[in-house]
């Protein structure tokens, strides 16, 4: 894909961190078709980049993402157009391929993905934050499923994502059925937010966390992420056998040799992803 129009893509090979910024602040970074395509492409680009070890997703302005762009929902007259507004049911269903590519792309990215939630994350924006591995936020971070407020069902994977990230089927059900906000303090108490900091400290706190992860052994971290999610589908015996296969890879890696040497020499390890 050529240069992006609706997102910013910033890759820093020195820190091994890539930042993807949703860049429609005038629309509270609401998702239209093009933005979904660009996010999916940017995540795939970062995943394939050997110099990227951690991805950060955030929003420009005062919101993380206000969900699907209302101009692309029913009744739109602005000419943007979308599969969402088609009168053909199968065309509407197929239009969600864009959402699937975006959400699955984030969740399946081999590199750890951090959502730096700088404001509201509602509807599809909440789903995008849930698809990330780690979330940081401030008192301005507010979360709402939103779909039920306009007679919709979570078409971006919310019914799968919410109970797994909120840690409670009941809490997920309440958000889905009521459309009430989840405030930052409660999100942190539930473990949904990994860090809750002052607004002025959000970027540095997130970058500090990203740098710490980026300094770790990339092979071991990629395998840990893979098994973290695949383990949700396995019984314990299968998980143990998969863990043995994964540990065989790490035990025979140069990163493991470096990690042991650094431990014995009481120095910081310098992992080479090999």
C-alpha atoms as a PDB file:
ATOM      1  CA  UNK A   1       0.000   0.000   0.000  1.00  0.00           C
ATOM      2  CA  UNK A   2       1.310   3.532  -0.751  1.00  0.00           C
ATOM      3  CA  UNK A   3       1.572   6.269   1.877  1.00  0.00           C
ATOM      4  CA  UNK A   4      -1.321   6.166   4.324  1.00  0.00           C
ATOM      5  CA  UNK A   5      -3.949   8.906   4.362  1.00  0.00           C
ATOM      6  CA  UNK A   6      -5.877   8.189   7.565  1.00  0.00           C
ATOM      7  CA  UNK A   7      -3.175   6.814   9.856  1.00  0.00           C
ATOM      8  CA  UNK A   8       0.401   7.698  10.734  1.00  0.00           C
ATOM      9  CA  UNK A   9       3.068   4.991  10.568  1.00  0.00           C
ATOM     10  CA  UNK A  10       6.290   5.639  12.479  1.00  0.00           C
ATOM     11  CA  UNK A  11       8.923   2.902  12.668  1.00  0.00           C
ATOM     12  CA  UNK A  12      11.991   3.513  14.820  1.00  0.00           C
ATOM     13  CA  UNK A  13      14.682   0.882  14.148  1.00  0.00           C
ATOM     14  CA  UNK A  14      16.802   2.165  17.033  1.00  0.00           C
ATOM     15  CA  UNK A  15      14.154   1.405  19.657  1.00  0.00           C
ATOM     16  CA  UNK A  16      12.595  -1.444  17.623  1.00  0.00           C
ATOM     17  CA  UNK A  17       9.180   0.145  18.268  1.00  0.00           C
ATOM     18  CA  UNK A  18       6.615   1.013  15.587  1.00  0.00           C
ATOM     19  CA  UNK A  19       3.751   3.389  16.305  1.00  0.00           C
ATOM     20  CA  UNK A  20       0.479   3.364  14.367  1.00  0.00           C
ATOM     21  CA  UNK A  21      -1.676   6.443  15.016  1.00  0.00           C
ATOM     22  CA  UNK A  22      -5.307   6.652  13.938  1.00  0.00           C
ATOM     23  CA  UNK A  23      -5.365  10.096  12.384  1.00  0.00           C
ATOM     24  CA  UNK A  24      -8.917  11.381  11.959  1.00  0.00           C
ATOM     25  CA  UNK A  25      -9.090  13.593  15.068  1.00  0.00           C
ATOM     26  CA  UNK A  26     -11.969  15.627  13.644  1.00  0.00           C
ATOM     27  CA  UNK A  27     -14.018  12.393  13.568  1.00  0.00           C
ATOM     28  CA  UNK A  28     -12.636  11.102  16.900  1.00  0.00           C
ATOM     29  CA  UNK A  29     -10.718   8.573  14.784  1.00  0.00           C
ATOM     30  CA  UNK A  30     -13.916   6.789  13.761  1.00  0.00           C
ATOM     31  CA  UNK A  31     -13.317   3.815  11.483  1.00  0.00           C
ATOM     32  CA  UNK A  32     -14.385   3.949   7.869  1.00  0.00           C
ATOM     33  CA  UNK A  33     -13.538   1.354   5.226  1.00  0.00           C
ATOM     34  CA  UNK A  34     -10.283   2.992   4.193  1.00  0.00           C
ATOM     35  CA  UNK A  35      -8.990   3.317   7.741  1.00  0.00           C
ATOM     36  CA  UNK A  36      -9.677  -0.354   8.422  1.00  0.00           C
ATOM     37  CA  UNK A  37      -7.684  -1.310   5.321  1.00  0.00           C
ATOM     38  CA  UNK A  38      -4.825   1.000   6.311  1.00  0.00           C
ATOM     39  CA  UNK A  39      -4.656  -0.312   9.893  1.00  0.00           C
ATOM     40  CA  UNK A  40      -4.597  -3.924   8.728  1.00  0.00           C
ATOM     41  CA  UNK A  41      -1.889  -3.117   6.185  1.00  0.00           C
ATOM     42  CA  UNK A  42       0.204  -1.173   8.715  1.00  0.00           C
ATOM     43  CA  UNK A  43       0.039  -3.962  11.303  1.00  0.00           C
ATOM     44  CA  UNK A  44       1.073  -6.530   8.680  1.00  0.00           C
ATOM     45  CA  UNK A  45       3.925  -4.231   7.632  1.00  0.00           C
ATOM     46  CA  UNK A  46       5.150  -3.922  11.225  1.00  0.00           C
ATOM     47  CA  UNK A  47       4.784  -7.663  11.771  1.00  0.00           C
ATOM     48  CA  UNK A  48       6.998  -8.356   8.745  1.00  0.00           C
ATOM     49  CA  UNK A  49       9.590  -5.730   9.696  1.00  0.00           C
ATOM     50  CA  UNK A  50      12.643  -7.443  11.274  1.00  0.00           C
ATOM     51  CA  UNK A  51      13.516  -4.179  13.039  1.00  0.00           C
ATOM     52  CA  UNK A  52      10.150  -4.008  14.843  1.00  0.00           C
ATOM     53  CA  UNK A  53       9.744  -5.860  18.115  1.00  0.00           C
ATOM     54  CA  UNK A  54       6.787  -3.956  19.631  1.00  0.00           C
ATOM     55  CA  UNK A  55       3.820  -2.164  18.026  1.00  0.00           C
ATOM     56  CA  UNK A  56       1.902   0.698  19.665  1.00  0.00           C
ATOM     57  CA  UNK A  57      -1.563   1.692  18.422  1.00  0.00           C
ATOM     58  CA  UNK A  58      -3.004   5.024  19.543  1.00  0.00           C
ATOM     59  CA  UNK A  59      -5.255   7.851  18.369  1.00  0.00           C
ATOM     60  CA  UNK A  60      -4.605  11.450  17.380  1.00  0.00           C
ATOM     61  CA  UNK A  61      -6.387  14.191  19.319  1.00  0.00           C
ATOM     62  CA  UNK A  62      -8.714  13.518  22.237  1.00  0.00           C
ATOM     63  CA  UNK A  63      -9.947  10.022  21.368  1.00  0.00           C
ATOM     64  CA  UNK A  64      -8.511   6.577  20.787  1.00  0.00           C
ATOM     65  CA  UNK A  65     -11.323   5.528  18.459  1.00  0.00           C
ATOM     66  CA  UNK A  66     -15.039   6.337  18.560  1.00  0.00           C
ATOM     67  CA  UNK A  67     -16.032   3.152  16.713  1.00  0.00           C
ATOM     68  CA  UNK A  68     -17.513   2.862  13.258  1.00  0.00           C
ATOM     69  CA  UNK A  69     -17.991   6.083  11.322  1.00  0.00           C
ATOM     70  CA  UNK A  70     -21.660   7.027  11.595  1.00  0.00           C
ATOM     71  CA  UNK A  71     -21.451   8.503   8.091  1.00  0.00           C
ATOM     72  CA  UNK A  72     -21.117   4.944   6.830  1.00  0.00           C
ATOM     73  CA  UNK A  73     -24.049   3.565   8.790  1.00  0.00           C
ATOM     74  CA  UNK A  74     -27.689   3.555   7.788  1.00  0.00           C
ATOM     75  CA  UNK A  75     -29.121   6.777   6.445  1.00  0.00           C
ATOM     76  CA  UNK A  76     -25.847   8.207   5.154  1.00  0.00           C
ATOM     77  CA  UNK A  77     -26.281  10.857   2.501  1.00  0.00           C
ATOM     78  CA  UNK A  78     -22.724  12.153   2.235  1.00  0.00           C
ATOM     79  CA  UNK A  79     -21.733   9.858  -0.627  1.00  0.00           C
ATOM     80  CA  UNK A  80     -18.887   8.046   1.181  1.00  0.00           C
ATOM     81  CA  UNK A  81     -20.564   4.709   0.639  1.00  0.00           C
ATOM     82  CA  UNK A  82     -19.888   1.450   2.431  1.00  0.00           C
ATOM     83  CA  UNK A  83     -20.914  -2.171   2.422  1.00  0.00           C
ATOM     84  CA  UNK A  84     -22.619  -1.381   5.720  1.00  0.00           C
ATOM     85  CA  UNK A  85     -25.257   0.682   3.910  1.00  0.00           C
ATOM     86  CA  UNK A  86     -25.999  -1.813   1.163  1.00  0.00           C
ATOM     87  CA  UNK A  87     -29.513  -3.180   0.937  1.00  0.00           C
ATOM     88  CA  UNK A  88     -28.048  -6.576   0.000  1.00  0.00           C
ATOM     89  CA  UNK A  89     -27.602  -8.729   3.116  1.00  0.00           C
ATOM     90  CA  UNK A  90     -24.765 -10.816   1.673  1.00  0.00           C
ATOM     91  CA  UNK A  91     -22.908  -7.705   0.566  1.00  0.00           C
ATOM     92  CA  UNK A  92     -23.184  -6.323   4.105  1.00  0.00           C
ATOM     93  CA  UNK A  93     -21.853  -9.609   5.496  1.00  0.00           C
ATOM     94  CA  UNK A  94     -18.913  -9.609   3.080  1.00  0.00           C
ATOM     95  CA  UNK A  95     -18.089  -5.991   3.918  1.00  0.00           C
ATOM     96  CA  UNK A  96     -17.056  -7.156   7.392  1.00  0.00           C
ATOM     97  CA  UNK A  97     -14.021  -8.798   5.808  1.00  0.00           C
ATOM     98  CA  UNK A  98     -12.322  -5.432   6.383  1.00  0.00           C
ATOM     99  CA  UNK A  99     -13.077  -5.590  10.111  1.00  0.00           C
ATOM    100  CA  UNK A 100     -11.929  -9.195  10.259  1.00  0.00           C
ATOM    101  CA  UNK A 101      -8.645  -8.384   8.537  1.00  0.00           C
ATOM    102  CA  UNK A 102      -8.032  -5.514  10.973  1.00  0.00           C
ATOM    103  CA  UNK A 103      -8.977  -7.216  14.261  1.00  0.00           C
ATOM    104  CA  UNK A 104      -7.439 -10.592  13.396  1.00  0.00           C
ATOM    105  CA  UNK A 105      -4.360  -8.847  12.033  1.00  0.00           C
ATOM    106  CA  UNK A 106      -3.791  -7.128  15.371  1.00  0.00           C
ATOM    107  CA  UNK A 107      -4.533 -10.197  17.472  1.00  0.00           C
ATOM    108  CA  UNK A 108      -2.429 -12.522  15.288  1.00  0.00           C
ATOM    109  CA  UNK A 109       0.511 -10.130  14.932  1.00  0.00           C
ATOM    110  CA  UNK A 110       3.542 -12.035  16.208  1.00  0.00           C
ATOM    111  CA  UNK A 111       4.919  -8.899  17.846  1.00  0.00           C
ATOM    112  CA  UNK A 112       3.380  -7.612  21.110  1.00  0.00           C
ATOM    113  CA  UNK A 113       0.828  -4.855  20.440  1.00  0.00           C
ATOM    114  CA  UNK A 114       0.112  -2.135  23.010  1.00  0.00           C
ATOM    115  CA  UNK A 115      -3.009   0.034  22.832  1.00  0.00           C
ATOM    116  CA  UNK A 116      -2.145   3.495  24.170  1.00  0.00           C
ATOM    117  CA  UNK A 117      -5.705   4.571  24.934  1.00  0.00           C
ATOM    118  CA  UNK A 118      -5.564   8.362  25.042  1.00  0.00           C
ATOM    119  CA  UNK A 119      -9.333   8.933  25.242  1.00  0.00           C
ATOM    120  CA  UNK A 120     -12.637   7.238  24.511  1.00  0.00           C
ATOM    121  CA  UNK A 121     -12.707   3.796  22.920  1.00  0.00           C
ATOM    122  CA  UNK A 122     -16.248   2.881  21.954  1.00  0.00           C
ATOM    123  CA  UNK A 123     -17.874   0.262  19.752  1.00  0.00           C
ATOM    124  CA  UNK A 124     -15.380  -0.953  17.176  1.00  0.00           C
ATOM    125  CA  UNK A 125     -12.771   1.221  18.906  1.00  0.00           C
ATOM    126  CA  UNK A 126     -13.235  -0.816  22.082  1.00  0.00           C
ATOM    127  CA  UNK A 127     -12.917  -3.991  20.015  1.00  0.00           C
ATOM    128  CA  UNK A 128      -9.666  -2.710  18.503  1.00  0.00           C
ATOM    129  CA  UNK A 129      -8.286  -1.969  21.986  1.00  0.00           C
ATOM    130  CA  UNK A 130      -9.361  -5.449  23.127  1.00  0.00           C
ATOM    131  CA  UNK A 131      -7.540  -7.063  20.204  1.00  0.00           C
ATOM    132  CA  UNK A 132      -4.258  -5.579  21.465  1.00  0.00           C
ATOM    133  CA  UNK A 133      -2.224  -7.513  24.012  1.00  0.00           C
ATOM    134  CA  UNK A 134      -1.697  -4.713  26.553  1.00  0.00           C
ATOM    135  CA  UNK A 135      -3.544  -1.473  27.254  1.00  0.00           C
ATOM    136  CA  UNK A 136      -2.360   1.742  28.917  1.00  0.00           C
ATOM    137  CA  UNK A 137      -4.591   4.700  29.701  1.00  0.00           C
ATOM    138  CA  UNK A 138      -5.466   7.777  31.751  1.00  0.00           C
ATOM    139  CA  UNK A 139      -8.539   9.091  33.558  1.00  0.00           C
ATOM    140  CA  UNK A 140      -9.748  10.260  30.129  1.00  0.00           C
ATOM    141  CA  UNK A 141      -9.829   6.651  28.903  1.00  0.00           C
ATOM    142  CA  UNK A 142     -13.445   5.493  28.798  1.00  0.00           C
ATOM    143  CA  UNK A 143     -14.804   2.318  27.231  1.00  0.00           C
ATOM    144  CA  UNK A 144     -18.253   1.477  25.890  1.00  0.00           C
ATOM    145  CA  UNK A 145     -19.589  -1.338  23.744  1.00  0.00           C
ATOM    146  CA  UNK A 146     -22.081   1.160  22.220  1.00  0.00           C
ATOM    147  CA  UNK A 147     -23.660  -1.198  19.671  1.00  0.00           C
ATOM    148  CA  UNK A 148     -26.837  -1.781  21.664  1.00  0.00           C
ATOM    149  CA  UNK A 149     -27.436   1.981  21.828  1.00  0.00           C
ATOM    150  CA  UNK A 150     -28.126   2.065  18.089  1.00  0.00           C
ATOM    151  CA  UNK A 151     -29.726  -1.349  17.688  1.00  0.00           C
ATOM    152  CA  UNK A 152     -26.623  -3.193  16.539  1.00  0.00           C
ATOM    153  CA  UNK A 153     -24.746  -6.379  17.405  1.00  0.00           C
ATOM    154  CA  UNK A 154     -20.933  -6.300  17.938  1.00  0.00           C
ATOM    155  CA  UNK A 155     -19.799  -7.093  14.407  1.00  0.00           C
ATOM    156  CA  UNK A 156     -16.100  -6.528  15.157  1.00  0.00           C
ATOM    157  CA  UNK A 157     -15.626  -9.518  17.470  1.00  0.00           C
ATOM    158  CA  UNK A 158     -16.716  -7.991  20.770  1.00  0.00           C
ATOM    159  CA  UNK A 159     -18.613 -11.026  22.061  1.00  0.00           C
ATOM    160  CA  UNK A 160     -15.383 -13.070  21.858  1.00  0.00           C
ATOM    161  CA  UNK A 161     -13.034 -10.316  22.986  1.00  0.00           C
ATOM    162  CA  UNK A 162     -14.840  -8.766  25.966  1.00  0.00           C
ATOM    163  CA  UNK A 163     -15.068 -11.766  28.333  1.00  0.00           C
ATOM    164  CA  UNK A 164     -11.421 -12.628  27.653  1.00  0.00           C
ATOM    165  CA  UNK A 165     -10.077  -9.128  28.264  1.00  0.00           C
ATOM    166  CA  UNK A 166     -12.450  -8.057  31.038  1.00  0.00           C
ATOM    167  CA  UNK A 167     -11.959 -11.331  32.901  1.00  0.00           C
ATOM    168  CA  UNK A 168     -15.673 -11.880  33.568  1.00  0.00           C
ATOM    169  CA  UNK A 169     -18.533 -13.152  31.469  1.00  0.00           C
ATOM    170  CA  UNK A 170     -20.953 -11.185  33.642  1.00  0.00           C
ATOM    171  CA  UNK A 171     -19.071  -7.893  33.226  1.00  0.00           C
ATOM    172  CA  UNK A 172     -18.898  -8.436  29.472  1.00  0.00           C
ATOM    173  CA  UNK A 173     -22.624  -9.204  29.355  1.00  0.00           C
ATOM    174  CA  UNK A 174     -23.456  -6.028  31.246  1.00  0.00           C
ATOM    175  CA  UNK A 175     -21.455  -3.887  28.824  1.00  0.00           C
ATOM    176  CA  UNK A 176     -23.021  -5.624  25.833  1.00  0.00           C
ATOM    177  CA  UNK A 177     -26.601  -5.401  27.101  1.00  0.00           C
ATOM    178  CA  UNK A 178     -26.583  -1.876  28.589  1.00  0.00           C
ATOM    179  CA  UNK A 179     -24.099   0.134  26.521  1.00  0.00           C
ATOM    180  CA  UNK A 180     -22.899   1.761  29.754  1.00  0.00           C
ATOM    181  CA  UNK A 181     -19.412   3.242  30.033  1.00  0.00           C
ATOM    182  CA  UNK A 182     -16.567   1.425  31.757  1.00  0.00           C
ATOM    183  CA  UNK A 183     -14.546   4.141  33.473  1.00  0.00           C
ATOM    184  CA  UNK A 184     -10.762   4.137  33.716  1.00  0.00           C
ATOM    185  CA  UNK A 185     -10.509   3.275  37.427  1.00  0.00           C
ATOM    186  CA  UNK A 186     -12.783   0.257  37.056  1.00  0.00           C
ATOM    187  CA  UNK A 187     -10.979  -0.821  33.875  1.00  0.00           C
ATOM    188  CA  UNK A 188      -7.704  -0.753  35.803  1.00  0.00           C
ATOM    189  CA  UNK A 189      -9.204  -2.634  38.758  1.00  0.00           C
ATOM    190  CA  UNK A 190     -10.430  -5.352  36.402  1.00  0.00           C
ATOM    191  CA  UNK A 191      -6.989  -5.631  34.807  1.00  0.00           C
ATOM    192  CA  UNK A 192      -8.290  -4.427  31.453  1.00  0.00           C
ATOM    193  CA  UNK A 193      -5.904  -1.472  31.682  1.00  0.00           C
ATOM    194  CA  UNK A 194      -2.361  -2.579  32.502  1.00  0.00           C
ATOM    195  CA  UNK A 195      -1.307   0.955  33.418  1.00  0.00           C
ATOM    196  CA  UNK A 196      -3.410   3.918  34.574  1.00  0.00           C
ATOM    197  CA  UNK A 197      -1.401   7.140  34.737  1.00  0.00           C
ATOM    198  CA  UNK A 198      -1.767  10.905  34.542  1.00  0.00           C
ATOM    199  CA  UNK A 199      -2.420  12.239  31.063  1.00  0.00           C
ATOM    200  CA  UNK A 200       1.007  13.894  30.889  1.00  0.00           C
ATOM    201  CA  UNK A 201       2.692  10.581  31.711  1.00  0.00           C
ATOM    202  CA  UNK A 202       0.853   8.320  29.269  1.00  0.00           C
ATOM    203  CA  UNK A 203       3.342   8.456  26.419  1.00  0.00           C
ATOM    204  CA  UNK A 204       6.447   7.964  28.559  1.00  0.00           C
ATOM    205  CA  UNK A 205       4.825   5.165  30.576  1.00  0.00           C
ATOM    206  CA  UNK A 206       3.777   3.385  27.392  1.00  0.00           C
ATOM    207  CA  UNK A 207       7.175   3.871  25.777  1.00  0.00           C
ATOM    208  CA  UNK A 208       8.939   2.626  28.907  1.00  0.00           C
ATOM    209  CA  UNK A 209       6.839  -0.541  28.805  1.00  0.00           C
ATOM    210  CA  UNK A 210       7.417  -0.936  25.063  1.00  0.00           C
ATOM    211  CA  UNK A 211      11.177  -0.466  25.451  1.00  0.00           C
ATOM    212  CA  UNK A 212      11.286  -3.073  28.215  1.00  0.00           C
ATOM    213  CA  UNK A 213       9.490  -5.615  26.008  1.00  0.00           C
ATOM    214  CA  UNK A 214      11.603  -4.698  22.958  1.00  0.00           C
ATOM    215  CA  UNK A 215      14.773  -5.366  24.966  1.00  0.00           C
ATOM    216  CA  UNK A 216      13.612  -8.917  25.692  1.00  0.00           C
ATOM    217  CA  UNK A 217      14.268 -12.089  23.667  1.00  0.00           C
ATOM    218  CA  UNK A 218      12.123 -11.746  20.507  1.00  0.00           C
ATOM    219  CA  UNK A 219      11.807 -15.469  19.758  1.00  0.00           C
ATOM    220  CA  UNK A 220      10.644 -16.326  23.270  1.00  0.00           C
ATOM    221  CA  UNK A 221       8.209 -13.401  23.321  1.00  0.00           C
ATOM    222  CA  UNK A 222       6.701 -14.306  19.942  1.00  0.00           C
ATOM    223  CA  UNK A 223       6.202 -17.913  21.068  1.00  0.00           C
ATOM    224  CA  UNK A 224       4.740 -16.740  24.374  1.00  0.00           C
ATOM    225  CA  UNK A 225       2.173 -14.599  22.553  1.00  0.00           C
ATOM    226  CA  UNK A 226       1.290 -17.445  20.202  1.00  0.00           C
ATOM    227  CA  UNK A 227       0.728 -19.885  23.053  1.00  0.00           C
ATOM    228  CA  UNK A 228      -1.077 -17.287  25.171  1.00  0.00           C
ATOM    229  CA  UNK A 229      -3.898 -17.128  22.628  1.00  0.00           C
ATOM    230  CA  UNK A 230      -3.763 -20.672  21.262  1.00  0.00           C
ATOM    231  CA  UNK A 231      -3.838 -21.912  24.837  1.00  0.00           C
ATOM    232  CA  UNK A 232      -7.393 -20.573  25.105  1.00  0.00           C
ATOM    233  CA  UNK A 233      -8.379 -23.289  22.620  1.00  0.00           C
ATOM    234  CA  UNK A 234      -6.291 -26.211  23.984  1.00  0.00           C
ATOM    235  CA  UNK A 235      -6.700 -28.693  26.801  1.00  0.00           C
ATOM    236  CA  UNK A 236      -3.762 -28.855  29.227  1.00  0.00           C
ATOM    237  CA  UNK A 237      -2.181 -31.936  27.657  1.00  0.00           C
ATOM    238  CA  UNK A 238      -2.135 -30.325  24.208  1.00  0.00           C
ATOM    239  CA  UNK A 239      -0.821 -27.079  25.687  1.00  0.00           C
ATOM    240  CA  UNK A 240       2.011 -28.966  27.427  1.00  0.00           C
ATOM    241  CA  UNK A 241       3.025 -30.692  24.199  1.00  0.00           C
ATOM    242  CA  UNK A 242       2.953 -27.398  22.302  1.00  0.00           C
ATOM    243  CA  UNK A 243       4.989 -25.813  25.092  1.00  0.00           C
ATOM    244  CA  UNK A 244       7.630 -28.521  24.719  1.00  0.00           C
ATOM    245  CA  UNK A 245       7.870 -27.778  20.997  1.00  0.00           C
ATOM    246  CA  UNK A 246       8.172 -24.055  21.679  1.00  0.00           C
ATOM    247  CA  UNK A 247      10.804 -24.517  24.377  1.00  0.00           C
ATOM    248  CA  UNK A 248      12.839 -26.701  22.018  1.00  0.00           C
ATOM    249  CA  UNK A 249      13.079 -23.675  19.708  1.00  0.00           C
ATOM    250  CA  UNK A 250      14.152 -21.306  22.486  1.00  0.00           C
ATOM    251  CA  UNK A 251      16.618 -23.768  24.052  1.00  0.00           C
ATOM    252  CA  UNK A 252      18.439 -24.105  20.730  1.00  0.00           C
ATOM    253  CA  UNK A 253      18.513 -20.360  19.995  1.00  0.00           C
ATOM    254  CA  UNK A 254      21.475 -18.010  20.249  1.00  0.00           C
ATOM    255  CA  UNK A 255      19.238 -15.681  22.252  1.00  0.00           C
ATOM    256  CA  UNK A 256      19.119 -18.332  24.991  1.00  0.00           C
ATOM    257  CA  UNK A 257      22.910 -18.636  24.933  1.00  0.00           C
ATOM    258  CA  UNK A 258      23.179 -14.843  25.227  1.00  0.00           C
ATOM    259  CA  UNK A 259      20.603 -14.718  28.016  1.00  0.00           C
ATOM    260  CA  UNK A 260      22.473 -17.307  30.114  1.00  0.00           C
ATOM    261  CA  UNK A 261      25.817 -15.574  29.482  1.00  0.00           C
ATOM    262  CA  UNK A 262      24.394 -12.188  30.483  1.00  0.00           C
ATOM    263  CA  UNK A 263      22.885 -13.686  33.644  1.00  0.00           C
ATOM    264  CA  UNK A 264      26.196 -15.233  34.669  1.00  0.00           C
ATOM    265  CA  UNK A 265      28.164 -12.097  33.837  1.00  0.00           C
ATOM    266  CA  UNK A 266      25.627  -9.861  35.612  1.00  0.00           C
ATOM    267  CA  UNK A 267      25.037  -7.642  32.581  1.00  0.00           C
ATOM    268  CA  UNK A 268      22.126  -6.715  30.306  1.00  0.00           C
ATOM    269  CA  UNK A 269      21.497  -9.197  27.520  1.00  0.00           C
ATOM    270  CA  UNK A 270      21.702  -8.085  23.902  1.00  0.00           C
ATOM    271  CA  UNK A 271      19.298 -10.268  21.999  1.00  0.00           C
ATOM    272  CA  UNK A 272      19.751 -10.671  18.227  1.00  0.00           C
ATOM    273  CA  UNK A 273      16.539 -12.533  17.351  1.00  0.00           C
ATOM    274  CA  UNK A 274      18.464 -15.641  16.356  1.00  0.00           C
END
